[in-house]
Amino acid sequence: MKFTINREVFLLPLQQIVNVIEKRQTMPILSNILLKMNAGVLTLTGSDLEIQLVADIKIEETENSAITVPARKILDIIRLLPAESKINIELNKDKLKIVSGRSRFSLTTLEATNYPAFDENNFHTTLSMPIAQLNKALTKSLFCMANQDVRYYLNGILVTITNQQLKIVASDGHRLALYNESLTEANEIEASFIIPRKGVIELSRLMSDSEQSLSLQLAASNVRLDFDKLSFSVKLIDAKYPDFSKVFQQEFKSIIPINRQDLKDALTRVSILSNEKFKGVSLNFSGSTLKVAAYNPDHEEAEENLPIEFSGEDFVIAFNAQYLLDAVSNLESDVIHMSLSTNMSACVIEDPIDSSYQYIVMPMRL
């Protein structure tokens, strides 16, 4: 293996792949990046056996060879070299030599033959969708995922494709995000799968508002997405996601329009004096006024009054301030709509202009 490469061309895929690699590995070789040269293409692979990211770089080299090198060490070396510098890389016995300008480095390697293959089954479903569409869907929902919940199926997002509709659901049991939009390309595919939390986060880092499309290939236990010279594979959560549709089938009170920025600012300020552990704030709907209030065990209090259009019976309900802020911050209209279920067990927050996503936040007791 011997090739010359520009620092910027090498740096970005290295950064993307190192994000996938865990710092502590049960197998030492999984701390390495697999470098594989084949027919003028340098392929970089990183994996933790649950997620795999592969990047291809065209290069002027015809030799076929492969080796693995410490991931974070090679990234740090390339990152700290001068911008736009030329880097000469050569494998000499069991050492990878890196030369650039006056800098010289020598890295230990492990044989590529020992690098574990990612378990990819036969793909039974393939579809194409815009990168920007999936990027929006993930951005608007991933913050609702659970983190290390015993209900392991909540530690990820549910992706459902049916009747040319893309539906993404994320929930931690206290709140729920629902994204539902038509796919731009016609298909007759029906599929449903759960991507684990780490896979969602790493995939969201790779997403952009690109107008290009990606290819999604689904197998029984994993899914692969190919885009922008990258191939991202992740093992799926083998479980059945709970039926969330029942939450939306409740009877709801009339819609309450609220200025989004005013509510966001009020929640941000009032929550400063909320209980640090539970972050509870109360919403008091009375006449044409919404009172947002909080207090804490130190007997400190905060209160703000917002003008609203409300004609129903007065009521008071409490929520986790951060859950409300997360939902409100991901809406874009100047005015948002809030609807409370008649039994006061759920609050739907939605954008009257963009109906593709909805949020449900469960109330709490103060």
Protein backbone atom coordinates (compact mmCIF):
# COMPACT_ATOMS: atom_id res chain seq x y z
CA MET A 1 0.00 0.00 0.00
CA LYS A 2 1.44 3.32 -1.11
CA PHE A 3 -0.45 6.49 -2.07
CA THR A 4 -0.51 10.29 -1.89
CA ILE A 5 -3.61 12.14 -0.75
CA ASN A 6 -4.74 15.69 0.05
CA ARG A 7 -5.36 16.35 3.76
CA GLU A 8 -8.89 17.73 3.23
CA VAL A 9 -9.92 14.76 1.06
CA PHE A 10 -8.74 12.34 3.76
CA LEU A 11 -9.86 14.24 6.87
CA LEU A 12 -13.65 14.38 6.47
CA PRO A 13 -14.28 10.63 5.97
CA LEU A 14 -11.85 9.90 8.80
CA GLN A 15 -13.84 12.15 11.15
CA GLN A 16 -17.13 10.58 10.12
CA ILE A 17 -15.88 7.04 10.64
CA VAL A 18 -14.16 7.65 13.98
CA ASN A 19 -17.51 8.82 15.41
CA VAL A 20 -18.82 5.28 14.93
CA ILE A 21 -15.90 3.60 16.71
CA GLU A 22 -16.25 3.12 20.46
CA LYS A 23 -13.30 4.25 22.60
CA ARG A 24 -13.38 1.03 24.60
CA GLN A 25 -13.63 -2.14 22.57
CA THR A 26 -13.78 -5.78 23.59
CA MET A 27 -11.77 -6.56 20.44
CA PRO A 28 -8.63 -4.41 20.00
CA ILE A 29 -8.94 -4.47 16.20
CA LEU A 30 -12.30 -2.66 16.41
CA SER A 31 -10.37 0.40 17.65
CA ASN A 32 -8.78 0.45 14.19
CA ILE A 33 -9.92 1.72 10.80
CA LEU A 34 -9.74 -0.71 7.92
CA LEU A 35 -7.94 0.79 4.91
CA LYS A 36 -8.53 -1.16 1.73
CA MET A 37 -7.14 -0.31 -1.70
CA ASN A 38 -8.86 -1.78 -4.74
CA ALA A 39 -8.86 -0.63 -8.39
CA GLY A 40 -8.07 3.02 -7.67
CA VAL A 41 -10.50 3.31 -4.75
CA LEU A 42 -9.41 3.69 -1.13
CA THR A 43 -12.14 2.32 1.15
CA LEU A 44 -12.23 3.29 4.83
CA THR A 45 -14.30 1.15 7.21
CA GLY A 46 -15.15 1.61 10.87
CA SER A 47 -17.40 -0.63 12.95
CA ASP A 48 -18.44 -1.57 16.49
CA LEU A 49 -20.34 -4.64 15.22
CA GLU A 50 -23.65 -2.80 15.74
CA ILE A 51 -22.94 0.06 13.31
CA GLN A 52 -20.67 0.19 10.28
CA LEU A 53 -19.66 3.18 8.18
CA VAL A 54 -17.80 2.79 4.89
CA ALA A 55 -16.36 5.70 2.84
CA ASP A 56 -14.83 5.53 -0.64
CA ILE A 57 -12.10 7.87 -1.91
CA LYS A 58 -10.88 7.81 -5.51
CA ILE A 59 -7.11 7.70 -5.63
CA GLU A 60 -4.32 7.23 -8.19
CA GLU A 61 -3.19 3.81 -7.10
CA THR A 62 -3.85 0.46 -8.74
CA GLU A 63 -2.35 -1.84 -6.12
CA ASN A 64 -4.81 -4.03 -4.19
CA SER A 65 -4.01 -4.19 -0.47
CA ALA A 66 -5.57 -3.83 2.98
CA ILE A 67 -4.47 -3.03 6.55
CA THR A 68 -5.95 -1.66 9.79
CA VAL A 69 -4.53 1.28 11.79
CA PRO A 70 -5.48 2.92 15.12
CA ALA A 71 -8.48 5.12 14.31
CA ARG A 72 -8.05 8.04 16.68
CA LYS A 73 -4.28 8.23 16.24
CA ILE A 74 -4.44 8.52 12.46
CA LEU A 75 -7.29 11.03 12.74
CA ASP A 76 -5.32 13.23 15.19
CA ILE A 77 -2.27 13.12 12.95
CA ILE A 78 -4.16 14.10 9.80
CA ARG A 79 -6.24 16.74 11.64
CA LEU A 80 -3.14 18.51 13.02
CA LEU A 81 -1.27 18.66 9.72
CA PRO A 82 -1.33 22.00 7.82
CA ALA A 83 -4.39 22.69 5.66
CA GLU A 84 -4.21 21.54 2.03
CA SER A 85 -0.99 19.63 2.70
CA LYS A 86 -0.03 16.58 0.64
CA ILE A 87 0.27 13.38 2.63
CA ASN A 88 2.32 10.38 1.57
CA ILE A 89 1.21 7.09 3.11
CA GLU A 90 3.11 3.82 2.72
CA LEU A 91 2.85 0.42 4.37
CA ASN A 92 6.30 -0.88 5.32
CA LYS A 93 6.09 -4.38 6.80
CA ASP A 94 3.89 -3.97 9.92
CA LYS A 95 4.17 -0.15 10.12
CA LEU A 96 2.17 2.52 8.30
CA LYS A 97 4.44 5.44 7.43
CA ILE A 98 2.85 8.90 7.16
CA VAL A 99 4.97 11.70 5.69
CA SER A 100 3.90 15.29 5.10
CA GLY A 101 6.36 18.17 4.75
CA ARG A 102 8.74 17.97 7.70
CA SER A 103 6.49 15.59 9.67
CA ARG A 104 7.11 11.86 9.96
CA PHE A 105 4.89 9.30 11.71
CA SER A 106 4.96 5.54 12.05
CA LEU A 107 1.83 3.68 13.22
CA THR A 108 1.46 0.06 14.30
CA THR A 109 -0.99 -2.00 12.27
CA LEU A 110 -3.09 -5.15 12.58
CA GLU A 111 -3.79 -7.54 9.73
CA ALA A 112 -6.93 -6.75 7.72
CA THR A 113 -7.82 -10.45 7.57
CA ASN A 114 -8.65 -10.28 11.31
CA TYR A 115 -11.10 -7.40 10.90
CA PRO A 116 -14.60 -8.77 11.66
CA ALA A 117 -17.09 -8.68 8.83
CA PHE A 118 -20.32 -6.80 9.51
CA ASP A 119 -23.27 -9.17 9.65
CA GLU A 120 -25.38 -8.07 6.69
CA ASN A 121 -28.18 -10.40 5.64
CA ASN A 122 -29.81 -10.58 2.25
CA PHE A 123 -31.64 -7.32 1.56
CA HIS A 124 -35.29 -7.84 0.63
CA THR A 125 -36.44 -4.22 0.22
CA THR A 126 -34.85 -1.27 -1.57
CA LEU A 127 -36.18 2.25 -1.95
CA SER A 128 -34.93 5.74 -2.72
CA MET A 129 -35.72 8.94 -0.82
CA PRO A 130 -34.33 12.50 -0.68
CA ILE A 131 -31.54 13.00 1.84
CA ALA A 132 -33.12 16.30 2.93
CA GLN A 133 -36.42 14.58 3.75
CA LEU A 134 -34.83 11.99 6.03
CA ASN A 135 -32.65 14.70 7.58
CA LYS A 136 -35.72 16.75 8.48
CA ALA A 137 -37.54 13.72 9.86
CA LEU A 138 -34.63 12.77 12.14
CA THR A 139 -33.97 16.34 13.30
CA LYS A 140 -37.60 16.86 14.28
CA SER A 141 -37.93 13.62 16.25
CA LEU A 142 -34.69 12.17 17.64
CA PHE A 143 -34.71 14.29 20.83
CA CYS A 144 -37.77 12.30 22.01
CA MET A 145 -35.91 8.97 22.02
CA ALA A 146 -35.41 7.21 25.35
CA ASN A 147 -31.92 6.72 26.72
CA GLN A 148 -31.14 3.38 28.40
CA ASP A 149 -34.80 2.66 29.12
CA VAL A 150 -35.62 -0.89 30.25
CA ARG A 151 -38.22 -0.86 27.47
CA TYR A 152 -35.40 -1.24 24.97
CA TYR A 153 -37.66 -0.70 21.95
CA LEU A 154 -37.98 2.95 23.06
CA ASN A 155 -34.20 3.44 22.80
CA GLY A 156 -34.49 4.25 19.12
CA ILE A 157 -36.94 5.42 16.47
CA LEU A 158 -39.66 3.57 14.61
CA VAL A 159 -39.54 3.96 10.83
CA THR A 160 -42.64 2.91 8.90
CA ILE A 161 -43.00 3.05 5.13
CA THR A 162 -46.45 2.29 3.76
CA ASN A 163 -48.68 3.59 0.97
CA GLN A 164 -45.88 5.93 -0.15
CA GLN A 165 -45.85 7.51 3.33
CA LEU A 166 -42.77 7.90 5.53
CA LYS A 167 -43.64 7.84 9.22
CA ILE A 168 -41.09 8.28 12.01
CA VAL A 169 -41.96 7.94 15.69
CA ALA A 170 -39.77 8.57 18.75
CA SER A 171 -40.87 8.39 22.38
CA ASP A 172 -39.42 8.03 25.86
CA GLY A 173 -42.77 7.23 27.45
CA HIS A 174 -43.32 10.83 28.62
CA ARG A 175 -43.44 12.51 25.23
CA LEU A 176 -43.74 11.50 21.60
CA ALA A 177 -42.70 12.93 18.24
CA LEU A 178 -44.54 11.91 15.07
CA TYR A 179 -43.30 12.79 11.59
CA ASN A 180 -45.56 11.81 8.69
CA GLU A 181 -45.01 12.87 5.08
CA SER A 182 -45.45 11.49 1.59
CA LEU A 183 -42.41 10.12 -0.21
CA THR A 184 -41.57 11.95 -3.40
CA GLU A 185 -40.90 8.75 -5.34
CA ALA A 186 -43.71 6.27 -5.94
CA ASN A 187 -43.34 2.80 -4.46
CA GLU A 188 -45.47 -0.07 -3.20
CA ILE A 189 -43.23 -0.92 -0.27
CA GLU A 190 -44.55 -1.72 3.18
CA ALA A 191 -41.94 -1.97 5.93
CA SER A 192 -41.52 -1.16 9.60
CA PHE A 193 -38.30 -1.29 11.66
CA ILE A 194 -36.65 0.25 14.75
CA ILE A 195 -33.22 1.90 14.45
CA PRO A 196 -31.33 1.97 17.79
CA ARG A 197 -30.42 5.25 19.47
CA LYS A 198 -26.70 5.26 18.59
CA GLY A 199 -27.50 4.47 14.97
CA VAL A 200 -29.97 7.36 14.80
CA ILE A 201 -27.50 9.84 16.31
CA GLU A 202 -24.64 8.80 14.04
CA LEU A 203 -26.90 8.81 10.99
CA SER A 204 -28.16 12.31 11.83
CA ARG A 205 -24.55 13.54 11.87
CA LEU A 206 -24.13 12.35 8.30
CA MET A 207 -27.36 13.91 7.05
CA SER A 208 -27.60 17.25 5.22
CA ASP A 209 -30.12 19.28 3.25
CA SER A 210 -28.76 17.81 0.03
CA GLU A 211 -31.16 17.60 -2.91
CA GLN A 212 -29.68 14.22 -3.81
CA SER A 213 -31.34 10.93 -2.93
CA LEU A 214 -30.13 8.05 -0.82
CA SER A 215 -30.73 4.35 -1.29
CA LEU A 216 -32.22 2.45 1.66
CA GLN A 217 -31.82 -1.33 1.69
CA LEU A 218 -33.63 -3.32 4.34
CA ALA A 219 -32.91 -6.83 5.60
CA ALA A 220 -34.43 -8.87 8.42
CA SER A 221 -32.02 -7.63 11.08
CA ASN A 222 -30.27 -4.57 9.62
CA VAL A 223 -30.64 -1.64 7.28
CA ARG A 224 -28.10 0.03 4.97
CA LEU A 225 -28.20 3.55 3.57
CA ASP A 226 -25.95 4.55 0.67
CA PHE A 227 -25.31 8.25 -0.07
CA ASP A 228 -22.56 10.79 -0.73
CA LYS A 229 -19.86 8.11 -1.22
CA LEU A 230 -20.82 6.72 2.20
CA SER A 231 -22.45 3.45 3.17
CA PHE A 232 -24.04 3.35 6.64
CA SER A 233 -25.24 0.04 8.11
CA VAL A 234 -26.90 -0.57 11.46
CA LYS A 235 -28.40 -3.56 13.25
CA LEU A 236 -32.08 -3.12 14.07
CA ILE A 237 -33.86 -3.56 17.39
CA ASP A 238 -35.74 -6.84 17.30
CA ALA A 239 -38.98 -5.84 19.02
CA LYS A 240 -42.52 -4.66 18.39
CA TYR A 241 -43.10 -0.94 18.92
CA PRO A 242 -46.16 -0.14 21.09
CA ASP A 243 -49.35 1.09 19.39
CA PHE A 244 -49.02 4.87 19.79
CA SER A 245 -52.06 5.65 17.62
CA LYS A 246 -54.37 5.29 20.63
CA VAL A 247 -52.94 8.52 22.05
CA PHE A 248 -54.27 10.43 19.05
CA GLN A 249 -57.66 8.69 19.17
CA GLN A 250 -58.64 10.41 22.40
CA GLU A 251 -61.16 13.23 22.51
CA PHE A 252 -59.42 16.60 22.62
CA LYS A 253 -60.56 20.01 23.75
CA SER A 254 -60.66 22.95 21.35
CA ILE A 255 -57.38 24.11 19.80
CA ILE A 256 -55.57 26.95 21.62
CA PRO A 257 -53.38 29.18 19.39
CA ILE A 258 -50.26 30.54 21.15
CA ASN A 259 -47.44 32.75 19.91
CA ARG A 260 -44.51 30.34 19.60
CA GLN A 261 -41.67 32.73 20.46
CA ASP A 262 -43.53 34.24 23.43
CA LEU A 263 -44.19 30.78 24.88
CA LYS A 264 -40.61 29.67 24.27
CA ASP A 265 -39.20 32.77 26.00
CA ALA A 266 -41.60 32.45 28.93
CA LEU A 267 -40.78 28.77 29.47
CA THR A 268 -37.05 29.48 29.28
CA ARG A 269 -37.20 32.24 31.89
CA VAL A 270 -39.71 30.64 34.27
CA SER A 271 -37.98 27.25 34.27
CA ILE A 272 -34.91 28.86 35.90
CA LEU A 273 -36.74 28.69 39.24
CA SER A 274 -38.37 25.30 38.69
CA ASN A 275 -37.39 22.22 40.67
CA GLU A 276 -33.94 21.25 39.34
CA LYS A 277 -34.81 17.55 39.32
CA PHE A 278 -38.28 17.57 37.76
CA LYS A 279 -38.26 20.89 35.84
CA GLY A 280 -42.00 21.28 36.39
CA VAL A 281 -43.95 24.36 35.27
CA SER A 282 -47.67 24.98 35.54
CA LEU A 283 -49.83 26.41 32.76
CA ASN A 284 -52.94 28.22 33.97
CA PHE A 285 -55.45 28.86 31.17
CA SER A 286 -57.89 31.53 32.30
CA GLY A 287 -59.93 33.74 29.97
CA SER A 288 -57.58 35.41 27.50
CA THR A 289 -54.47 34.83 29.61
CA LEU A 290 -52.00 31.97 29.98
CA LYS A 291 -50.03 32.11 33.22
CA VAL A 292 -46.76 30.16 33.15
CA ALA A 293 -45.44 29.61 36.68
CA ALA A 294 -42.82 27.63 38.58
CA TYR A 295 -41.55 27.27 42.11
CA ASN A 296 -38.86 25.23 43.88
CA PRO A 297 -38.14 23.76 47.33
CA ASP A 298 -36.35 27.00 48.31
CA HIS A 299 -39.72 28.79 48.06
CA GLU A 300 -38.58 30.78 45.02
CA GLU A 301 -41.22 31.55 42.39
CA ALA A 302 -41.43 32.71 38.78
CA GLU A 303 -44.47 33.76 36.77
CA GLU A 304 -45.23 35.13 33.32
CA ASN A 305 -48.56 36.02 31.69
CA LEU A 306 -49.17 35.59 27.97
CA PRO A 307 -52.19 36.80 25.95
CA ILE A 308 -54.03 33.93 24.23
CA GLU A 309 -57.29 33.23 22.44
CA PHE A 310 -59.10 30.90 24.82
CA SER A 311 -62.83 30.73 25.56
CA GLY A 312 -63.22 27.40 27.39
CA GLU A 313 -63.40 26.62 31.10
CA ASP A 314 -60.39 27.66 33.18
CA PHE A 315 -57.92 24.91 34.01
CA VAL A 316 -54.39 24.36 35.31
CA ILE A 317 -51.97 21.68 34.07
CA ALA A 318 -48.28 21.03 34.68
CA PHE A 319 -45.50 19.80 32.38
CA ASN A 320 -41.79 19.21 32.32
CA ALA A 321 -40.53 22.56 30.99
CA GLN A 322 -37.76 20.98 28.92
CA TYR A 323 -40.19 18.66 27.14
CA LEU A 324 -42.35 21.63 26.14
CA LEU A 325 -39.30 23.65 25.08
CA ASP A 326 -37.97 20.83 22.90
CA ALA A 327 -41.30 20.59 21.08
CA VAL A 328 -41.81 24.34 20.70
CA SER A 329 -38.22 24.87 19.51
CA ASN A 330 -38.70 22.38 16.68
CA LEU A 331 -41.78 24.12 15.32
CA GLU A 332 -41.34 26.96 12.85
CA SER A 333 -44.62 28.90 12.58
CA ASP A 334 -45.12 32.16 14.47
CA VAL A 335 -48.25 30.68 16.05
CA ILE A 336 -48.53 27.09 17.27
CA HIS A 337 -51.58 25.06 18.29
CA MET A 338 -52.00 23.27 21.63
CA SER A 339 -54.80 20.78 22.29
CA LEU A 340 -55.47 19.09 25.64
CA SER A 341 -57.25 15.76 25.87
CA THR A 342 -60.55 15.93 27.75
CA ASN A 343 -59.18 13.68 30.52
CA MET A 344 -56.07 15.93 30.76
CA SER A 345 -53.74 12.99 30.04
CA ALA A 346 -51.97 14.39 26.97
CA CYS A 347 -51.19 17.62 25.15
CA VAL A 348 -50.76 17.76 21.38
CA ILE A 349 -48.51 20.52 20.05
CA GLU A 350 -48.48 21.09 16.31
CA ASP A 351 -47.67 23.54 13.55
CA PRO A 352 -50.79 24.85 11.77
CA ILE A 353 -48.79 25.50 8.60
CA ASP A 354 -46.71 22.30 8.44
CA SER A 355 -48.81 19.29 9.41
CA SER A 356 -46.02 16.77 8.80
CA TYR A 357 -45.02 16.60 12.46
CA GLN A 358 -46.80 16.56 15.82
CA TYR A 359 -45.64 16.34 19.41
CA ILE A 360 -47.40 14.85 22.40
CA VAL A 361 -46.30 15.71 25.93
CA MET A 362 -47.72 13.96 28.98
CA PRO A 363 -48.57 16.16 31.99
CA MET A 364 -46.96 15.78 35.42
CA ARG A 365 -47.95 16.37 39.01
CA LEU A 366 -46.39 19.24 40.92
